[in-house]
């Protein structure tokens, strides 16, 4: 599936914002997208959030999922999640 420029921008910018959060911060993807302040359609926002969730679940990143109910709630932790 082709990713739009708006979706890629939101996804990459949200990752940047998430890495700058202090350790122990609890957040949802919506909090990150508000910090990015980038306008894109709902479908692109949902896909960017899905990609972020996949990154957290399968990548060695300093985030964990603390609440699996919708919307997912993440926490910034020290080190990777593996």
Protein backbone atom coordinates (compact mmCIF):
# COMPACT_ATOMS: atom_id res chain seq x y z
CA UNK A 1 0.00 0.00 0.00
CA UNK A 2 1.33 3.41 -0.98
CA UNK A 3 1.84 5.77 1.96
CA UNK A 4 0.89 9.39 1.42
CA UNK A 5 3.34 12.20 2.14
CA UNK A 6 1.02 13.56 4.84
CA UNK A 7 0.87 10.16 6.56
CA UNK A 8 4.64 9.71 6.45
CA UNK A 9 5.19 13.21 7.81
CA UNK A 10 2.77 12.65 10.71
CA UNK A 11 4.27 9.21 11.51
CA UNK A 12 7.89 10.39 11.49
CA UNK A 13 7.15 13.61 13.37
CA UNK A 14 5.17 11.70 16.03
CA UNK A 15 8.12 9.36 16.55
CA UNK A 16 10.37 12.41 17.02
CA UNK A 17 7.99 13.90 19.58
CA UNK A 18 7.71 10.57 21.43
CA UNK A 19 11.50 10.24 21.74
CA UNK A 20 11.68 13.69 23.33
CA UNK A 21 9.17 12.82 26.07
CA UNK A 22 10.56 12.39 29.59
CA UNK A 23 10.92 8.82 30.86
CA UNK A 24 7.75 7.66 32.61
CA UNK A 25 5.39 9.79 30.52
CA UNK A 26 2.11 8.09 29.63
CA UNK A 27 0.57 9.14 26.31
CA UNK A 28 -1.68 8.20 23.44
CA UNK A 29 -0.94 8.67 19.75
CA UNK A 30 -3.47 11.50 19.72
CA UNK A 31 -1.27 13.44 22.17
CA UNK A 32 1.68 13.08 19.78
CA UNK A 33 -0.32 14.17 16.74
CA UNK A 34 -1.52 17.28 18.60
CA UNK A 35 2.10 18.20 19.35
CA UNK A 36 3.01 17.73 15.69
CA UNK A 37 0.12 20.00 14.62
CA UNK A 38 0.05 18.53 11.11
CA UNK A 39 -3.27 18.39 9.28
CA UNK A 40 -4.13 15.24 7.31
CA UNK A 41 -7.26 13.21 6.69
CA UNK A 42 -8.66 10.71 9.18
CA UNK A 43 -7.54 7.67 7.20
CA UNK A 44 -3.92 8.88 7.18
CA UNK A 45 -4.08 9.59 10.92
CA UNK A 46 -5.40 6.10 11.62
CA UNK A 47 -2.74 4.49 9.45
CA UNK A 48 0.05 6.54 11.09
CA UNK A 49 -1.24 5.45 14.52
CA UNK A 50 -1.35 1.81 13.36
CA UNK A 51 2.25 2.07 12.11
CA UNK A 52 3.36 3.60 15.43
CA UNK A 53 1.66 0.76 17.31
CA UNK A 54 3.45 -1.80 15.12
CA UNK A 55 6.77 -0.07 15.79
CA UNK A 56 6.19 -0.22 19.56
CA UNK A 57 5.10 -3.87 19.48
CA UNK A 58 7.87 -5.17 17.21
CA UNK A 59 10.73 -2.66 17.34
CA UNK A 60 13.38 -2.18 19.99
CA UNK A 61 12.17 1.27 21.02
CA UNK A 62 11.86 2.84 24.49
CA UNK A 63 8.06 2.61 24.61
CA UNK A 64 5.64 0.04 26.00
CA UNK A 65 1.89 -0.36 25.73
CA UNK A 66 0.37 0.00 29.19
CA UNK A 67 -3.33 -0.21 28.24
CA UNK A 68 -4.47 -2.31 25.29
CA UNK A 69 -8.01 -0.91 25.26
CA UNK A 70 -8.82 1.56 22.50
CA UNK A 71 -7.12 3.99 22.17
CA UNK A 72 -3.83 2.34 23.06
CA UNK A 73 -1.93 3.99 25.88
CA UNK A 74 1.87 4.02 25.72
CA UNK A 75 4.61 4.81 28.22
CA UNK A 76 8.12 6.12 27.58
CA UNK A 77 10.60 3.84 29.36
CA UNK A 78 14.36 3.74 29.75
CA UNK A 79 16.04 1.56 27.12
CA UNK A 80 14.22 -0.68 24.64
CA UNK A 81 11.10 -2.74 25.17
CA UNK A 82 12.66 -6.11 24.31
